[in-house]
C-alpha atoms as a PDB file:
ATOM      1  CA  MET A   1       7.004 -28.651  55.086  1.00  0.00           C
ATOM      2  CA  LEU A   2       3.377 -28.471  54.430  1.00  0.00           C
ATOM      3  CA  CYS A   3       3.746 -25.519  52.336  1.00  0.00           C
ATOM      4  CA  VAL A   4       6.520 -27.025  49.996  1.00  0.00           C
ATOM      5  CA  SER A   5       4.605 -30.308  49.581  1.00  0.00           C
ATOM      6  CA  THR A   6       1.451 -28.096  48.711  1.00  0.00           C
ATOM      7  CA  LEU A   7       3.200 -25.886  46.324  1.00  0.00           C
ATOM      8  CA  LEU A   8       4.619 -29.040  44.559  1.00  0.00           C
ATOM      9  CA  ALA A   9       1.320 -30.767  44.348  1.00  0.00           C
ATOM     10  CA  PHE A  10      -0.293 -27.502  43.011  1.00  0.00           C
ATOM     11  CA  GLY A  11       2.712 -27.191  40.437  1.00  0.00           C
ATOM     12  CA  ILE A  12       2.273 -30.774  39.242  1.00  0.00           C
ATOM     13  CA  ALA A  13      -1.536 -30.366  38.871  1.00  0.00           C
ATOM     14  CA  SER A  14      -1.161 -27.094  37.217  1.00  0.00           C
ATOM     15  CA  THR A  15       1.346 -28.562  34.627  1.00  0.00           C
ATOM     16  CA  SER A  16      -0.799 -31.286  33.842  1.00  0.00           C
ATOM     17  CA  VAL A  17      -3.815 -29.130  33.170  1.00  0.00           C
ATOM     18  CA  TRP A  18      -1.744 -27.050  31.130  1.00  0.00           C
ATOM     19  CA  SER A  19      -0.371 -29.753  29.072  1.00  0.00           C
ATOM     20  CA  GLU A  20      -3.884 -31.137  28.474  1.00  0.00           C
ATOM     21  CA  GLU A  21      -4.935 -27.762  27.304  1.00  0.00           C
ATOM     22  CA  ALA A  22      -2.084 -27.480  24.904  1.00  0.00           C
ATOM     23  CA  ALA A  23      -2.679 -30.876  23.472  1.00  0.00           C
ATOM     24  CA  ALA A  24      -6.556 -30.209  22.967  1.00  0.00           C
ATOM     25  CA  PRO A  25      -7.560 -28.658  19.820  1.00  0.00           C
ATOM     26  CA  ALA A  26      -9.380 -25.185  19.797  1.00  0.00           C
ATOM     27  CA  ALA A  27     -13.043 -25.557  19.906  1.00  0.00           C
ATOM     28  CA  ASN A  28     -13.313 -23.875  16.554  1.00  0.00           C
ATOM     29  CA  ASP A  29     -10.726 -25.967  14.637  1.00  0.00           C
ATOM     30  CA  GLU A  30     -12.197 -27.882  11.654  1.00  0.00           C
ATOM     31  CA  PRO A  31     -11.052 -31.204  10.629  1.00  0.00           C
ATOM     32  CA  VAL A  32      -8.914 -31.439   7.516  1.00  0.00           C
ATOM     33  CA  PRO A  33     -11.205 -32.840   4.707  1.00  0.00           C
ATOM     34  CA  VAL A  34     -10.293 -36.146   3.042  1.00  0.00           C
ATOM     35  CA  PHE A  35      -9.437 -35.547  -0.374  1.00  0.00           C
ATOM     36  CA  THR A  36     -10.606 -38.223  -2.891  1.00  0.00           C
ATOM     37  CA  ALA A  37      -9.998 -38.348  -6.860  1.00  0.00           C
ATOM     38  CA  ALA A  38     -13.780 -37.701  -7.155  1.00  0.00           C
ATOM     39  CA  MET A  39     -13.695 -34.461  -4.913  1.00  0.00           C
ATOM     40  CA  ILE A  40     -10.595 -33.113  -6.955  1.00  0.00           C
ATOM     41  CA  LYS A  41     -12.285 -33.783 -10.085  1.00  0.00           C
ATOM     42  CA  ASP A  42     -15.689 -32.248  -8.882  1.00  0.00           C
ATOM     43  CA  PRO A  43     -16.497 -29.580 -11.432  1.00  0.00           C
ATOM     44  CA  ALA A  44     -18.248 -27.460  -8.676  1.00  0.00           C
ATOM     45  CA  ASN A  45     -15.076 -27.631  -6.478  1.00  0.00           C
ATOM     46  CA  VAL A  46     -12.652 -26.907  -9.494  1.00  0.00           C
ATOM     47  CA  GLU A  47     -14.970 -23.864 -10.440  1.00  0.00           C
ATOM     48  CA  ALA A  48     -15.028 -22.663  -6.934  1.00  0.00           C
ATOM     49  CA  GLY A  49     -11.320 -22.991  -6.758  1.00  0.00           C
ATOM     50  CA  LYS A  50     -10.633 -21.337 -10.028  1.00  0.00           C
ATOM     51  CA  GLN A  51     -12.586 -18.286  -8.678  1.00  0.00           C
ATOM     52  CA  VAL A  52     -10.354 -18.211  -5.632  1.00  0.00           C
ATOM     53  CA  TRP A  53      -7.026 -18.767  -7.724  1.00  0.00           C
ATOM     54  CA  ASP A  54      -7.877 -15.867 -10.128  1.00  0.00           C
ATOM     55  CA  GLY A  55      -9.240 -13.559  -7.366  1.00  0.00           C
ATOM     56  CA  GLN A  56      -6.195 -13.884  -5.030  1.00  0.00           C
ATOM     57  CA  CYS A  57      -3.554 -16.734  -5.463  1.00  0.00           C
ATOM     58  CA  ARG A  58      -2.526 -15.802  -8.979  1.00  0.00           C
ATOM     59  CA  HIS A  59      -1.255 -12.492  -7.686  1.00  0.00           C
ATOM     60  CA  CYS A  60       1.654 -14.089  -6.136  1.00  0.00           C
ATOM     61  CA  HIS A  61       1.649 -17.690  -7.623  1.00  0.00           C
ATOM     62  CA  GLY A  62       0.662 -17.158 -11.270  1.00  0.00           C
ATOM     63  CA  ASN A  63       2.992 -16.719 -14.256  1.00  0.00           C
ATOM     64  CA  SER A  64       2.747 -13.047 -14.331  1.00  0.00           C
ATOM     65  CA  ALA A  65       3.930 -12.867 -10.692  1.00  0.00           C
ATOM     66  CA  TYR A  66       7.492 -14.206 -11.659  1.00  0.00           C
ATOM     67  CA  PRO A  67      10.266 -13.737 -10.835  1.00  0.00           C
ATOM     68  CA  GLY A  68      10.150 -14.076  -7.069  1.00  0.00           C
ATOM     69  CA  LYS A  69       6.946 -13.113  -5.530  1.00  0.00           C
ATOM     70  CA  ALA A  70       6.095 -16.526  -4.161  1.00  0.00           C
ATOM     71  CA  PRO A  71       7.217 -20.028  -5.040  1.00  0.00           C
ATOM     72  CA  LYS A  72       6.115 -21.556  -8.199  1.00  0.00           C
ATOM     73  CA  LEU A  73       3.685 -24.360  -7.444  1.00  0.00           C
ATOM     74  CA  LYS A  74       4.348 -27.889  -8.425  1.00  0.00           C
ATOM     75  CA  PRO A  75       1.125 -29.738  -7.683  1.00  0.00           C
ATOM     76  CA  SER A  76       2.836 -33.008  -9.142  1.00  0.00           C
ATOM     77  CA  SER A  77       5.107 -32.907  -6.052  1.00  0.00           C
ATOM     78  CA  TYR A  78       2.271 -32.358  -3.519  1.00  0.00           C
ATOM     79  CA  GLN A  79      -0.504 -33.998  -1.955  1.00  0.00           C
ATOM     80  CA  ALA A  80      -3.965 -32.227  -1.594  1.00  0.00           C
ATOM     81  CA  GLU A  81      -3.857 -32.293   2.236  1.00  0.00           C
ATOM     82  CA  PHE A  82      -0.302 -30.324   2.019  1.00  0.00           C
ATOM     83  CA  VAL A  83      -1.934 -27.679  -0.252  1.00  0.00           C
ATOM     84  CA  TYR A  84      -5.184 -27.395   1.875  1.00  0.00           C
ATOM     85  CA  ASP A  85      -3.010 -26.898   5.101  1.00  0.00           C
ATOM     86  CA  ARG A  86      -0.988 -24.168   3.333  1.00  0.00           C
ATOM     87  CA  VAL A  87      -4.081 -22.484   1.970  1.00  0.00           C
ATOM     88  CA  THR A  88      -5.642 -22.526   5.559  1.00  0.00           C
ATOM     89  CA  ASN A  89      -2.836 -21.997   7.772  1.00  0.00           C
ATOM     90  CA  GLY A  90      -0.263 -20.191   5.634  1.00  0.00           C
ATOM     91  CA  PHE A  91       3.509 -20.888   5.841  1.00  0.00           C
ATOM     92  CA  ARG A  92       6.368 -18.333   6.431  1.00  0.00           C
ATOM     93  CA  LYS A  93       5.574 -15.256   4.276  1.00  0.00           C
ATOM     94  CA  MET A  94       2.238 -16.848   2.969  1.00  0.00           C
ATOM     95  CA  PRO A  95      -0.659 -15.652   4.939  1.00  0.00           C
ATOM     96  CA  ALA A  96      -3.229 -17.975   6.456  1.00  0.00           C
ATOM     97  CA  TRP A  97      -6.487 -17.769   4.485  1.00  0.00           C
ATOM     98  CA  LYS A  98      -8.856 -19.456   6.858  1.00  0.00           C
ATOM     99  CA  ALA A  99     -10.297 -16.019   8.008  1.00  0.00           C
ATOM    100  CA  VAL A 100     -10.849 -14.917   4.476  1.00  0.00           C
ATOM    101  CA  PHE A 101     -12.086 -17.867   2.719  1.00  0.00           C
ATOM    102  CA  ASN A 102     -14.583 -20.527   3.887  1.00  0.00           C
ATOM    103  CA  GLN A 103     -13.832 -24.268   4.040  1.00  0.00           C
ATOM    104  CA  GLN A 104     -15.578 -24.947   0.681  1.00  0.00           C
ATOM    105  CA  GLN A 105     -13.607 -22.264  -1.078  1.00  0.00           C
ATOM    106  CA  ARG A 106     -10.373 -23.610   0.358  1.00  0.00           C
ATOM    107  CA  ILE A 107     -11.351 -27.111  -0.766  1.00  0.00           C
ATOM    108  CA  GLY A 108     -12.106 -25.716  -4.162  1.00  0.00           C
ATOM    109  CA  VAL A 109      -8.734 -24.018  -4.571  1.00  0.00           C
ATOM    110  CA  THR A 110      -6.904 -27.085  -3.549  1.00  0.00           C
ATOM    111  CA  ALA A 111      -8.949 -29.146  -6.068  1.00  0.00           C
ATOM    112  CA  PHE A 112      -8.182 -26.583  -8.671  1.00  0.00           C
ATOM    113  CA  ILE A 113      -4.610 -26.694  -8.012  1.00  0.00           C
ATOM    114  CA  MET A 114      -4.336 -30.444  -7.794  1.00  0.00           C
ATOM    115  CA  GLY A 115      -6.477 -30.958 -10.609  1.00  0.00           C
ATOM    116  CA  ASP A 116      -5.791 -31.537 -14.525  1.00  0.00           C
ATOM    117  CA  GLU A 117      -6.615 -28.079 -15.605  1.00  0.00           C
ATOM    118  CA  PHE A 118      -3.861 -26.283 -13.373  1.00  0.00           C
ATOM    119  CA  MET A 119      -1.398 -24.249 -15.134  1.00  0.00           C
ATOM    120  CA  PRO A 120       0.566 -21.836 -12.620  1.00  0.00           C
END
């Protein structure tokens, strides 16, 4: 009887520790930036984002990539946090770019895509 109660107690304790670890973000996770209109219009962000777009993104999302390489972007349908999340973490066939571009570059490409100058 003692063995069964010990195993059950261990199992419950192990499960609760596992649940806490699963719920806790990894130590190297960075917070999602809060995008403001000023941040999206900042010329430094827009220029940094244009460089990332021209060097990487346009190959799949730009006019010369159609038809079919990747979805055509519709920034008027998006919020900046959504774009930043897709750039950072990827989605389906789109790779995550977190390991390739630093946070400032990912903020920049988000600002560029969400800005007035963007033409996919």
